[in-house]
Protein backbone atom coordinates (compact mmCIF):
# COMPACT_ATOMS: atom_id res chain seq x y z
CA MET A 1 78.85 -27.59 128.57
CA ALA A 2 80.54 -29.74 128.55
CA ALA A 3 78.56 -32.41 127.09
CA SER A 4 76.33 -29.88 125.14
CA THR A 5 79.99 -28.93 123.66
CA PHE A 6 80.64 -32.44 122.99
CA TRP A 7 76.81 -32.93 121.26
CA LEU A 8 77.24 -29.63 118.96
CA LEU A 9 81.34 -30.14 117.65
CA ASN A 10 79.60 -33.68 117.12
CA ALA A 11 76.41 -33.34 115.11
CA LEU A 12 79.07 -30.38 112.77
CA ASN A 13 81.23 -33.22 112.36
CA LYS A 14 78.56 -35.36 110.35
CA SER A 15 76.88 -35.24 106.69
CA TYR A 16 73.69 -33.48 106.14
CA SER A 17 71.37 -33.29 102.84
CA THR A 18 69.87 -29.97 103.05
CA GLN A 19 68.19 -26.89 100.62
CA THR A 20 69.58 -23.59 101.57
CA THR A 21 70.61 -21.56 98.60
CA TYR A 22 73.92 -19.85 96.81
CA PRO A 23 74.77 -16.82 95.72
CA VAL A 24 75.97 -15.97 92.24
CA LYS A 25 77.68 -13.28 90.24
CA PHE A 26 77.65 -12.04 86.94
CA VAL A 27 80.92 -11.57 85.14
CA TYR A 28 80.80 -9.62 81.59
CA ASN A 29 82.40 -6.31 80.34
CA ASP A 30 80.69 -3.64 81.45
CA LYS A 31 81.98 -0.95 78.76
CA ARG A 32 80.03 -3.30 75.76
CA LEU A 33 76.63 -4.54 78.04
CA VAL A 34 74.70 -2.64 80.83
CA PRO A 35 71.84 -5.40 82.50
CA VAL A 36 68.32 -3.56 82.44
CA LYS A 37 66.94 -4.65 85.59
CA PRO A 38 68.57 -6.02 88.66
CA LEU A 39 70.52 -9.59 88.18
CA PRO A 40 69.54 -12.09 89.91
CA GLU A 41 71.94 -12.82 93.21
CA GLU A 42 71.56 -16.46 94.54
CA VAL A 43 69.70 -19.32 93.69
CA ALA A 44 68.23 -22.38 95.51
CA ILE A 45 70.28 -25.55 95.61
CA ASN A 46 69.86 -28.92 97.56
CA VAL A 47 73.77 -30.08 98.77
CA THR A 48 75.07 -32.65 100.74
CA GLY A 49 78.25 -31.29 103.35
CA LYS A 50 79.38 -31.61 106.74
CA GLY A 51 77.55 -29.17 109.40
CA TRP A 52 80.90 -27.81 109.50
CA LYS A 53 81.28 -26.80 105.66
CA LEU A 54 76.61 -25.87 105.77
CA LEU A 55 77.23 -23.90 108.91
CA ARG A 56 80.24 -21.61 107.01
CA LYS A 57 78.31 -21.00 103.90
CA ALA A 58 74.99 -20.20 105.90
CA LEU A 59 76.95 -17.34 107.68
CA ARG A 60 78.46 -16.77 104.62
CA LEU A 61 81.94 -17.12 105.68
CA GLU A 62 84.01 -16.99 102.89
CA VAL A 63 81.70 -18.59 100.52
CA GLN A 64 83.43 -18.04 96.75
CA PRO A 65 80.04 -17.39 94.46
CA ALA A 66 79.12 -20.04 91.06
CA GLU A 67 80.43 -16.97 88.40
CA ILE A 68 77.94 -16.98 85.41
CA TYR A 69 79.53 -15.65 82.62
CA ILE A 70 78.27 -13.16 79.56
CA ARG A 71 80.51 -13.10 76.51
CA ASN A 72 77.98 -11.18 74.24
CA LEU A 73 74.54 -9.78 73.75
CA PRO A 74 72.59 -12.54 75.43
CA ARG A 75 69.86 -13.97 72.77
CA ASN A 76 67.82 -15.53 75.87
CA ASN A 77 66.94 -13.49 78.42
CA TYR A 78 67.42 -16.80 80.44
CA LEU A 79 69.45 -19.28 81.89
CA LEU A 80 68.32 -23.30 82.98
CA GLY A 81 68.50 -24.34 86.65
CA SER A 82 70.89 -27.09 84.52
CA ALA A 83 72.90 -24.64 82.90
CA LEU A 84 74.29 -23.47 85.93
CA ARG A 85 75.75 -26.62 87.57
CA PRO A 86 79.50 -26.43 85.85
CA ALA A 87 79.46 -22.69 87.77
CA LEU A 88 78.30 -24.39 91.25
CA VAL A 89 79.87 -27.05 91.31
CA ASN A 90 83.69 -25.09 90.78
CA ALA A 91 82.51 -22.57 93.32
CA MET A 92 81.25 -24.96 96.67
CA ASP A 93 84.20 -25.91 98.63
CA GLY A 94 83.12 -29.51 100.41
CA LEU A 95 79.91 -29.14 99.43
CA GLN A 96 78.32 -31.78 97.04
CA LEU A 97 75.20 -30.56 94.64
CA ASN A 98 72.87 -33.25 94.32
CA PHE A 99 70.27 -30.81 92.04
CA VAL A 100 69.27 -27.29 91.45
CA VAL A 101 66.50 -25.88 92.81
CA THR A 102 65.88 -22.86 90.67
CA ASP A 103 64.30 -24.11 87.05
CA THR A 104 64.67 -20.63 85.61
CA LEU A 105 67.18 -17.76 86.15
CA TYR A 106 66.04 -14.45 83.97
CA PHE A 107 67.85 -11.30 83.55
CA ASP A 108 68.00 -9.20 81.17
CA PHE A 109 70.80 -7.36 79.51
CA ASP A 110 71.58 -4.70 76.12
CA SER A 111 74.20 -3.29 74.42
CA LYS A 112 76.00 -0.18 76.50
CA VAL A 113 75.58 2.67 73.99
CA LYS A 114 76.77 6.54 74.22
CA ARG A 115 75.13 9.39 72.19
CA ARG A 116 75.15 13.17 72.00
CA VAL A 117 72.45 15.07 71.21
CA ALA A 118 71.53 19.24 70.97
CA LEU A 119 69.59 20.61 73.53
CA LYS A 120 66.81 22.56 73.15
CA LEU A 121 64.85 25.41 74.99
CA ASP A 122 60.84 24.16 74.35
CA PRO A 123 59.09 26.67 72.01
CA ARG A 124 56.19 26.29 73.80
CA GLN A 125 57.21 27.50 77.63
CA ALA A 126 55.71 31.29 77.87
CA ILE A 127 59.68 32.81 79.45
CA ALA A 128 59.30 36.55 79.11
CA ALA A 129 56.34 38.06 81.72
CA ASP A 130 53.23 40.22 80.72
CA ARG A 131 54.20 42.90 78.54
CA TYR A 132 58.08 41.73 78.30
CA ALA A 133 59.72 40.34 75.48
CA VAL A 134 62.37 37.78 74.53
CA VAL A 135 64.63 39.96 72.09
CA GLY A 136 67.16 38.24 70.11
CA PRO A 137 68.92 35.04 70.52
CA ILE A 138 68.35 32.38 73.65
CA ARG A 139 71.72 30.86 74.41
CA ILE A 140 72.53 27.09 76.05
CA ALA A 141 75.71 26.36 77.78
CA PRO A 142 77.00 23.79 76.85
CA ASP A 143 74.62 23.19 73.63
CA SER A 144 74.86 19.56 73.97
CA ILE A 145 74.41 16.84 75.62
CA THR A 146 75.81 12.93 75.84
CA PHE A 147 74.11 10.34 77.19
CA THR A 148 75.66 6.47 78.39
CA GLY A 149 73.31 3.70 79.14
CA PRO A 150 71.47 0.97 77.09
CA SER A 151 70.68 1.17 73.74
CA SER A 152 67.08 0.84 73.85
CA MET A 153 66.81 3.66 76.09
CA VAL A 154 69.31 5.99 75.13
CA ASP A 155 68.29 5.36 71.33
CA SER A 156 64.50 7.07 72.50
CA ILE A 157 66.07 10.18 74.10
CA PRO A 158 64.51 12.94 71.28
CA ASP A 159 67.55 15.08 69.03
CA PRO A 160 67.00 17.77 70.24
CA PHE A 161 66.85 17.82 73.47
CA VAL A 162 64.44 19.76 74.66
CA LEU A 163 64.93 21.46 78.07
CA ARG A 164 61.92 23.23 80.24
CA LEU A 165 63.46 26.35 82.15
CA PRO A 166 62.53 26.83 86.47
CA GLU A 167 62.01 30.25 86.42
CA GLN A 168 59.15 32.38 84.21
CA LYS A 169 58.03 35.38 83.75
CA LEU A 170 60.85 36.95 83.13
CA THR A 171 61.84 40.34 83.46
CA ALA A 172 64.92 41.30 82.65
CA PRO A 173 68.30 39.80 80.92
CA ALA A 174 68.60 36.26 82.64
CA GLU A 175 71.11 33.39 83.06
CA ILE A 176 69.25 30.24 84.29
CA GLU A 177 70.55 27.27 85.38
CA THR A 178 68.16 24.53 84.31
CA PRO A 179 68.08 21.22 85.41
CA ILE A 180 68.71 17.87 82.70
CA ILE A 181 65.75 15.94 83.25
CA TYR A 182 64.70 12.84 81.61
CA ASP A 183 63.34 8.81 81.91
CA TYR A 184 65.00 5.87 82.53
CA GLN A 185 67.84 8.17 85.08
CA ALA A 186 69.22 4.99 87.05
CA LEU A 187 70.32 3.33 84.23
CA VAL A 188 70.51 6.72 82.18
CA LYS A 189 73.66 8.71 83.05
CA SER A 190 74.33 11.86 81.04
CA ASP A 191 78.09 13.90 81.11
CA ILE A 192 76.23 17.19 82.36
CA ALA A 193 73.15 17.39 85.44
CA GLU A 194 72.25 20.68 83.97
CA ALA A 195 72.63 23.89 81.74
CA VAL A 196 72.84 27.59 81.89
CA VAL A 197 70.38 29.39 79.48
CA LYS A 198 70.72 32.53 78.84
CA VAL A 199 67.98 34.98 78.27
CA ASN A 200 67.60 38.70 77.15
CA VAL A 201 64.77 40.30 77.69
CA LYS A 202 63.11 43.48 77.35
CA ALA A 203 60.16 45.50 78.43
CA LEU A 204 57.40 46.29 75.96
CA VAL A 205 55.15 49.19 75.65
CA GLN A 206 51.74 48.93 74.86
CA GLU A 207 49.70 51.08 72.17
CA GLU A 208 46.96 51.55 70.01
CA ARG A 209 45.49 52.96 67.09
CA GLN A 210 42.18 53.40 64.61
CA VAL A 211 42.62 52.55 61.15
CA GLU A 212 40.16 52.75 58.13
CA PRO A 213 39.98 49.59 56.86
CA GLU A 214 40.09 49.24 52.86
CA LEU A 215 37.01 46.96 51.65
CA VAL A 216 37.62 45.27 48.33
CA ASN A 217 36.28 43.02 45.65
CA VAL A 218 33.02 44.81 46.21
CA PRO A 219 30.94 43.98 43.28
CA GLU A 220 30.67 46.80 40.34
CA GLY A 221 27.76 49.48 40.92
CA GLU A 222 27.28 48.39 44.46
CA SER A 223 27.75 51.37 47.01
CA VAL A 224 28.70 49.67 50.94
CA THR A 225 28.62 51.44 54.79
CA MET A 226 31.18 49.90 57.11
CA LEU A 227 29.87 50.29 60.69
CA PRO A 228 32.08 51.45 62.43
CA GLY A 229 34.16 53.13 59.60
CA ALA A 230 37.04 51.72 61.90
CA VAL A 231 38.98 49.16 63.41
CA LEU A 232 41.13 49.68 66.76
CA VAL A 233 44.61 47.73 66.21
CA ARG A 234 46.56 47.27 69.66
CA TYR A 235 50.06 46.26 69.45
CA GLN A 236 53.14 46.58 72.07
CA LEU A 237 56.57 47.24 70.86
CA LEU A 238 60.33 47.34 72.44
CA ALA A 239 60.65 50.64 74.91
CA ASP A 240 63.63 51.67 72.58
CA SER A 241 61.47 51.83 69.45
CA VAL A 242 58.75 53.61 70.52
CA PRO A 243 60.78 56.58 68.60
CA LEU A 244 61.33 54.68 65.64
CA MET A 245 58.36 53.15 64.46
CA ASN A 246 56.10 53.94 61.60
CA ARG A 247 52.72 53.96 62.97
CA ASP A 248 51.32 54.76 59.33
CA SER A 249 52.53 51.34 57.75
CA PHE A 250 49.32 49.85 59.63
CA LYS A 251 46.66 48.53 57.15
CA ALA A 252 43.75 46.39 56.79
CA VAL A 253 41.47 45.34 54.46
CA LEU A 254 37.60 44.01 54.26
CA ASP A 255 37.45 41.28 51.67
CA TYR A 256 33.67 41.66 50.81
CA ALA A 257 34.05 37.83 49.01
CA LYS A 258 34.28 36.89 52.73
CA ARG A 259 30.84 37.92 53.86
CA ASN A 260 28.90 36.40 55.95
CA GLN A 261 25.65 36.20 54.53
CA ARG A 262 23.70 35.47 57.94
CA ASP A 263 24.02 38.74 59.67
CA SER A 264 26.83 40.24 56.41
CA THR A 265 29.69 41.33 58.90
CA LEU A 266 33.41 40.80 57.80
CA VAL A 267 36.57 40.11 59.43
CA PRO A 268 39.66 42.89 59.32
CA GLU A 269 42.81 41.53 58.24
CA LEU A 270 45.43 43.31 58.51
CA VAL A 271 47.97 42.84 56.09
CA GLN A 272 50.98 45.54 56.79
CA LYS A 273 52.40 46.18 59.77
CA PRO A 274 55.18 48.72 61.14
CA ALA A 275 58.48 46.19 61.77
CA GLY A 276 58.85 45.98 65.48
CA ALA A 277 54.87 45.99 66.01
CA ARG A 278 54.10 42.66 68.57
CA ASN A 279 50.96 40.36 69.80
CA ILE A 280 48.68 42.59 67.21
CA THR A 281 45.24 42.30 67.57
CA LEU A 282 41.92 44.04 66.34
CA TRP A 283 38.97 45.30 67.69
CA PRO A 284 36.24 44.73 66.74
CA ASP A 285 36.95 41.14 65.13
CA ARG A 286 33.64 41.83 63.30
CA VAL A 287 32.43 45.06 60.84
CA LYS A 288 29.32 45.00 59.86
CA VAL A 289 28.85 45.95 55.86
CA ILE A 290 25.63 47.35 54.44
CA LEU A 291 24.48 47.31 51.18
CA ARG A 292 23.47 51.04 49.92
């Protein structure tokens, strides 16, 4: 044991040249700049030093990283290995730097920006259940959101920012907590994680009514018969509007000038409807006309 200890101490007092890695640290103003991808944490170097120093470095005991200063947005996204030499020499205590093995150190910084955009519900999303309707304006609280991060990513976020409700097929008024979901969440931060969407939903009543369409643009002197002579108007309205609707306000026309020459049919068009009528359909979708 004594001989082994003596041999180890003697070996650690000798100088050696070896290839190893050394930690590096990027120093920058994190209020103005942000790295877009993970920064390199070490470089490969060839050094000469006492065994004690090399052992301490291998165990990462009291090792001072080489500091790389980024003062402004870099024009290039790399540093040559030779450019790292001054920072490495200043950081290495008791080690002699022979040369930098790493040829190039790559990084990617972007300007850090803050941007506020409005929040909006996706108009293509169906919110209410069948035979229910959204009544009045949809309110979002808060009505805007602030994103902070790399300018290239933050500037790509649309304005307004579109939300999609996690809940659909609503049958009653609701306040829905809606998460803020966007790309680049690892690098772009938002000041809120969710917004509250307030929606007023009411029930609809299904009704139908027969309407005799008016035939227009018929050539003078011609007599025309329609088959069928009336069309069925199907529509929906809010339950509290049932006693108030003027159902005689429906008006449909058949434009003879738009007659299909192959089968002598016309498409009925609704040209007038009462206030409050929703989701209107006409049946049949084509009416045959016969010259007499």
